[in-house]
């Protein structure tokens, strides 16, 4: 889930739909679980752990990543495979 949040954030920032590591993410826990192949109960546990660690807030359909470096490290996220370019480049 941390990897998904990192990838979504970078993709949305690239096209101008996220600012300061914050974006709209109107997905239910059931939908997140379905996308990741895990139960909504497990989604709930993971979200609670990410929140309690101070890494993210997911509330009211908005995702905010508070500690990008820590979340990316936890996810073992390397964005190089995305080959993204920002619109202003």
N, C-alpha and C. Protein backbone atom coordinates (compact mmCIF):
# COMPACT_ATOMS: atom_id res chain seq x y z
N UNK A 1 0.82 -1.18 0.00
CA UNK A 1 0.00 0.00 0.00
C UNK A 1 0.87 1.25 0.00
N UNK A 2 1.95 1.22 0.75
CA UNK A 2 2.86 2.37 0.76
C UNK A 2 3.42 2.60 -0.65
N UNK A 3 3.75 1.53 -1.34
CA UNK A 3 4.26 1.64 -2.70
C UNK A 3 3.20 2.23 -3.62
N UNK A 4 1.97 1.79 -3.50
CA UNK A 4 0.87 2.33 -4.30
C UNK A 4 0.72 3.83 -4.04
N UNK A 5 0.75 4.24 -2.79
CA UNK A 5 0.60 5.65 -2.46
C UNK A 5 1.75 6.48 -3.04
N UNK A 6 2.97 5.96 -2.98
CA UNK A 6 4.11 6.68 -3.55
C UNK A 6 3.95 6.82 -5.06
N UNK A 7 3.60 5.73 -5.73
CA UNK A 7 3.46 5.79 -7.18
C UNK A 7 2.33 6.72 -7.60
N UNK A 8 1.19 6.60 -6.95
CA UNK A 8 0.06 7.48 -7.29
C UNK A 8 0.43 8.95 -7.09
N UNK A 9 1.08 9.24 -5.99
CA UNK A 9 1.43 10.63 -5.70
C UNK A 9 2.37 11.19 -6.77
N UNK A 10 3.38 10.43 -7.14
CA UNK A 10 4.31 10.92 -8.16
C UNK A 10 3.61 11.11 -9.50
N UNK A 11 2.77 10.17 -9.87
CA UNK A 11 2.05 10.28 -11.14
C UNK A 11 1.13 11.51 -11.13
N UNK A 12 0.42 11.72 -10.03
CA UNK A 12 -0.50 12.86 -9.95
C UNK A 12 0.25 14.19 -9.88
N UNK A 13 1.38 14.23 -9.19
CA UNK A 13 2.19 15.45 -9.15
C UNK A 13 2.73 15.78 -10.54
N UNK A 14 3.08 14.76 -11.29
CA UNK A 14 3.62 14.95 -12.63
C UNK A 14 2.63 15.66 -13.55
N UNK A 15 1.35 15.37 -13.38
CA UNK A 15 0.33 15.98 -14.25
C UNK A 15 -0.40 17.13 -13.56
N UNK A 16 0.11 17.56 -12.41
CA UNK A 16 -0.45 18.72 -11.74
C UNK A 16 -1.70 18.48 -10.92
N UNK A 17 -1.99 17.22 -10.58
CA UNK A 17 -3.19 16.91 -9.80
C UNK A 17 -2.89 16.67 -8.32
N UNK A 18 -1.64 16.86 -7.93
CA UNK A 18 -1.25 16.76 -6.53
C UNK A 18 -0.22 17.85 -6.24
N UNK A 19 -0.31 18.41 -5.06
CA UNK A 19 0.61 19.47 -4.65
C UNK A 19 1.05 19.19 -3.21
N UNK A 20 2.34 19.37 -2.97
CA UNK A 20 2.89 19.19 -1.62
C UNK A 20 2.55 17.82 -1.04
N UNK A 21 2.65 16.81 -1.86
CA UNK A 21 2.38 15.42 -1.46
C UNK A 21 0.97 15.24 -0.90
N UNK A 22 0.01 15.91 -1.52
CA UNK A 22 -1.39 15.78 -1.12
C UNK A 22 -2.26 15.72 -2.37
N UNK A 23 -3.22 14.79 -2.37
CA UNK A 23 -4.09 14.63 -3.55
C UNK A 23 -5.44 14.02 -3.14
N UNK A 24 -6.38 14.15 -4.04
CA UNK A 24 -7.67 13.50 -3.85
C UNK A 24 -7.48 12.00 -4.09
N UNK A 25 -8.03 11.19 -3.21
CA UNK A 25 -8.00 9.74 -3.36
C UNK A 25 -9.32 9.18 -2.83
N UNK A 26 -10.37 9.33 -3.63
CA UNK A 26 -11.71 8.94 -3.16
C UNK A 26 -11.97 7.44 -3.29
N UNK A 27 -11.15 6.64 -2.60
CA UNK A 27 -11.31 5.19 -2.62
C UNK A 27 -11.69 4.70 -1.23
N UNK A 28 -12.55 3.71 -1.19
CA UNK A 28 -12.91 3.08 0.08
C UNK A 28 -11.84 2.06 0.46
N UNK A 29 -11.87 1.62 1.69
CA UNK A 29 -10.95 0.57 2.12
C UNK A 29 -11.21 -0.71 1.34
N UNK A 30 -12.44 -0.97 1.03
CA UNK A 30 -12.77 -2.15 0.22
C UNK A 30 -12.13 -2.03 -1.16
N UNK A 31 -12.22 -0.87 -1.79
CA UNK A 31 -11.64 -0.67 -3.12
C UNK A 31 -10.11 -0.77 -3.09
N UNK A 32 -9.49 -0.21 -2.06
CA UNK A 32 -8.03 -0.35 -1.91
C UNK A 32 -7.64 -1.82 -1.76
N UNK A 33 -8.39 -2.53 -0.94
CA UNK A 33 -8.12 -3.95 -0.74
C UNK A 33 -8.29 -4.75 -2.02
N UNK A 34 -9.33 -4.43 -2.77
CA UNK A 34 -9.58 -5.12 -4.04
C UNK A 34 -8.43 -4.86 -5.02
N UNK A 35 -7.96 -3.64 -5.08
CA UNK A 35 -6.86 -3.29 -5.99
C UNK A 35 -5.56 -3.98 -5.59
N UNK A 36 -5.36 -4.18 -4.29
CA UNK A 36 -4.12 -4.75 -3.79
C UNK A 36 -4.20 -6.25 -3.52
N UNK A 37 -5.40 -6.80 -3.62
CA UNK A 37 -5.57 -8.23 -3.37
C UNK A 37 -5.50 -8.60 -1.91
N UNK A 38 -5.96 -7.68 -1.04
CA UNK A 38 -5.99 -7.96 0.40
C UNK A 38 -7.38 -7.61 0.94
N UNK A 39 -7.68 -8.07 2.12
CA UNK A 39 -9.00 -7.82 2.70
C UNK A 39 -9.10 -6.38 3.20
N UNK A 40 -10.32 -5.89 3.31
CA UNK A 40 -10.52 -4.54 3.83
C UNK A 40 -10.10 -4.46 5.29
N UNK A 41 -10.17 -5.56 6.02
CA UNK A 41 -9.69 -5.59 7.40
C UNK A 41 -8.18 -5.35 7.43
N UNK A 42 -7.47 -5.99 6.51
CA UNK A 42 -6.01 -5.80 6.44
C UNK A 42 -5.69 -4.37 6.00
N UNK A 43 -6.47 -3.83 5.06
CA UNK A 43 -6.29 -2.43 4.64
C UNK A 43 -6.40 -1.52 5.84
N UNK A 44 -7.41 -1.75 6.66
CA UNK A 44 -7.64 -0.93 7.84
C UNK A 44 -6.42 -0.98 8.76
N UNK A 45 -5.87 -2.15 8.96
CA UNK A 45 -4.70 -2.30 9.84
C UNK A 45 -3.48 -1.57 9.27
N UNK A 46 -3.27 -1.70 7.97
CA UNK A 46 -2.13 -1.04 7.34
C UNK A 46 -2.28 0.48 7.41
N UNK A 47 -3.48 0.98 7.10
CA UNK A 47 -3.72 2.43 7.17
C UNK A 47 -3.50 2.96 8.58
N UNK A 48 -3.98 2.22 9.57
CA UNK A 48 -3.78 2.63 10.96
C UNK A 48 -2.29 2.70 11.29
N UNK A 49 -1.52 1.70 10.83
CA UNK A 49 -0.08 1.69 11.09
C UNK A 49 0.61 2.87 10.40
N UNK A 50 0.24 3.16 9.17
CA UNK A 50 0.83 4.28 8.44
C UNK A 50 0.48 5.62 9.11
N UNK A 51 -0.77 5.74 9.57
CA UNK A 51 -1.19 6.96 10.27
C UNK A 51 -0.45 7.12 11.60
N UNK A 52 -0.42 6.04 12.39
CA UNK A 52 0.22 6.10 13.70
C UNK A 52 1.72 6.36 13.60
N UNK A 53 2.31 5.97 12.48
CA UNK A 53 3.73 6.23 12.25
C UNK A 53 3.98 7.66 11.77
N UNK A 54 2.91 8.41 11.53
CA UNK A 54 3.03 9.79 11.09
C UNK A 54 3.39 9.92 9.62
N UNK A 55 3.20 8.85 8.86
CA UNK A 55 3.59 8.88 7.45
C UNK A 55 2.51 9.48 6.56
N UNK A 56 1.25 9.18 6.83
CA UNK A 56 0.17 9.64 5.96
C UNK A 56 -1.05 10.06 6.76
N UNK A 57 -1.94 10.77 6.08
CA UNK A 57 -3.30 10.97 6.52
C UNK A 57 -4.17 10.63 5.31
N UNK A 58 -5.18 9.82 5.52
CA UNK A 58 -6.16 9.52 4.48
C UNK A 58 -7.52 9.74 5.11
N UNK A 59 -8.11 10.87 4.76
CA UNK A 59 -9.37 11.26 5.38
C UNK A 59 -10.18 12.10 4.41
N UNK A 60 -11.47 11.85 4.36
CA UNK A 60 -12.35 12.63 3.51
C UNK A 60 -11.99 12.56 2.03
N UNK A 61 -11.43 11.41 1.62
CA UNK A 61 -11.07 11.24 0.22
C UNK A 61 -9.81 11.97 -0.18
N UNK A 62 -9.00 12.39 0.80
CA UNK A 62 -7.74 13.09 0.50
C UNK A 62 -6.59 12.34 1.16
N UNK A 63 -5.56 12.06 0.37
CA UNK A 63 -4.34 11.44 0.86
C UNK A 63 -3.27 12.52 1.01
N UNK A 64 -2.65 12.57 2.16
CA UNK A 64 -1.52 13.47 2.40
C UNK A 64 -0.37 12.63 2.93
N UNK A 65 0.75 12.73 2.28
CA UNK A 65 1.96 12.04 2.72
C UNK A 65 2.78 13.05 3.52
N UNK A 66 2.96 12.77 4.81
CA UNK A 66 3.65 13.70 5.71
C UNK A 66 5.16 13.50 5.71
N UNK A 67 5.60 12.28 5.49
CA UNK A 67 7.04 11.99 5.49
C UNK A 67 7.35 11.14 4.26
N UNK A 68 7.60 11.83 3.14
CA UNK A 68 7.83 11.15 1.87
C UNK A 68 9.00 10.17 1.96
N UNK A 69 10.12 10.62 2.51
CA UNK A 69 11.32 9.78 2.56
C UNK A 69 11.07 8.49 3.35
N UNK A 70 10.41 8.61 4.48
CA UNK A 70 10.14 7.43 5.30
C UNK A 70 9.15 6.49 4.62
N UNK A 71 8.14 7.04 3.97
CA UNK A 71 7.17 6.20 3.28
C UNK A 71 7.83 5.49 2.10
N UNK A 72 8.62 6.21 1.33
CA UNK A 72 9.32 5.62 0.19
C UNK A 72 10.29 4.53 0.65
N UNK A 73 10.95 4.76 1.78
CA UNK A 73 11.86 3.75 2.32
C UNK A 73 11.09 2.51 2.77
N UNK A 74 9.99 2.72 3.45
CA UNK A 74 9.17 1.58 3.91
C UNK A 74 8.65 0.76 2.74
N UNK A 75 8.35 1.45 1.64
CA UNK A 75 7.81 0.78 0.45
C UNK A 75 8.90 0.23 -0.46
N UNK A 76 10.17 0.55 -0.15
CA UNK A 76 11.27 0.23 -1.04
C UNK A 76 10.98 0.76 -2.44
N UNK A 77 10.51 2.02 -2.47
CA UNK A 77 10.05 2.65 -3.70
C UNK A 77 11.20 3.32 -4.43
N UNK A 78 11.38 2.94 -5.68
CA UNK A 78 12.37 3.56 -6.57
C UNK A 78 11.60 4.06 -7.79
N UNK A 79 11.42 5.35 -7.93
CA UNK A 79 10.58 5.89 -9.00
C UNK A 79 11.20 5.81 -10.40
N UNK A 80 12.42 5.35 -10.51
CA UNK A 80 13.08 5.37 -11.82
C UNK A 80 12.34 4.52 -12.86
N UNK A 81 11.63 3.50 -12.44
CA UNK A 81 10.94 2.65 -13.41
C UNK A 81 9.75 3.36 -14.06
N UNK A 82 9.32 4.46 -13.49
CA UNK A 82 8.17 5.18 -14.03
C UNK A 82 8.52 6.04 -15.24
N UNK A 83 9.77 6.46 -15.35
CA UNK A 83 10.22 7.30 -16.48
C UNK A 83 9.33 8.52 -16.64
N UNK A 84 9.05 9.20 -15.54
CA UNK A 84 8.16 10.36 -15.55
C UNK A 84 8.92 11.64 -15.82
N UNK A 85 8.26 12.54 -16.50
CA UNK A 85 8.77 13.90 -16.71
C UNK A 85 7.67 14.86 -16.29
N UNK A 86 8.05 15.87 -15.56
CA UNK A 86 7.06 16.87 -15.15
C UNK A 86 6.63 17.70 -16.34
N UNK A 87 5.43 18.25 -16.26
CA UNK A 87 4.90 19.05 -17.36
C UNK A 87 5.73 20.30 -17.63
N UNK A 88 6.39 20.83 -16.60
CA UNK A 88 7.16 22.07 -16.77
C UNK A 88 8.58 21.82 -17.29
N UNK A 89 8.92 20.58 -17.57
CA UNK A 89 10.26 20.27 -18.11
C UNK A 89 10.27 20.36 -19.62
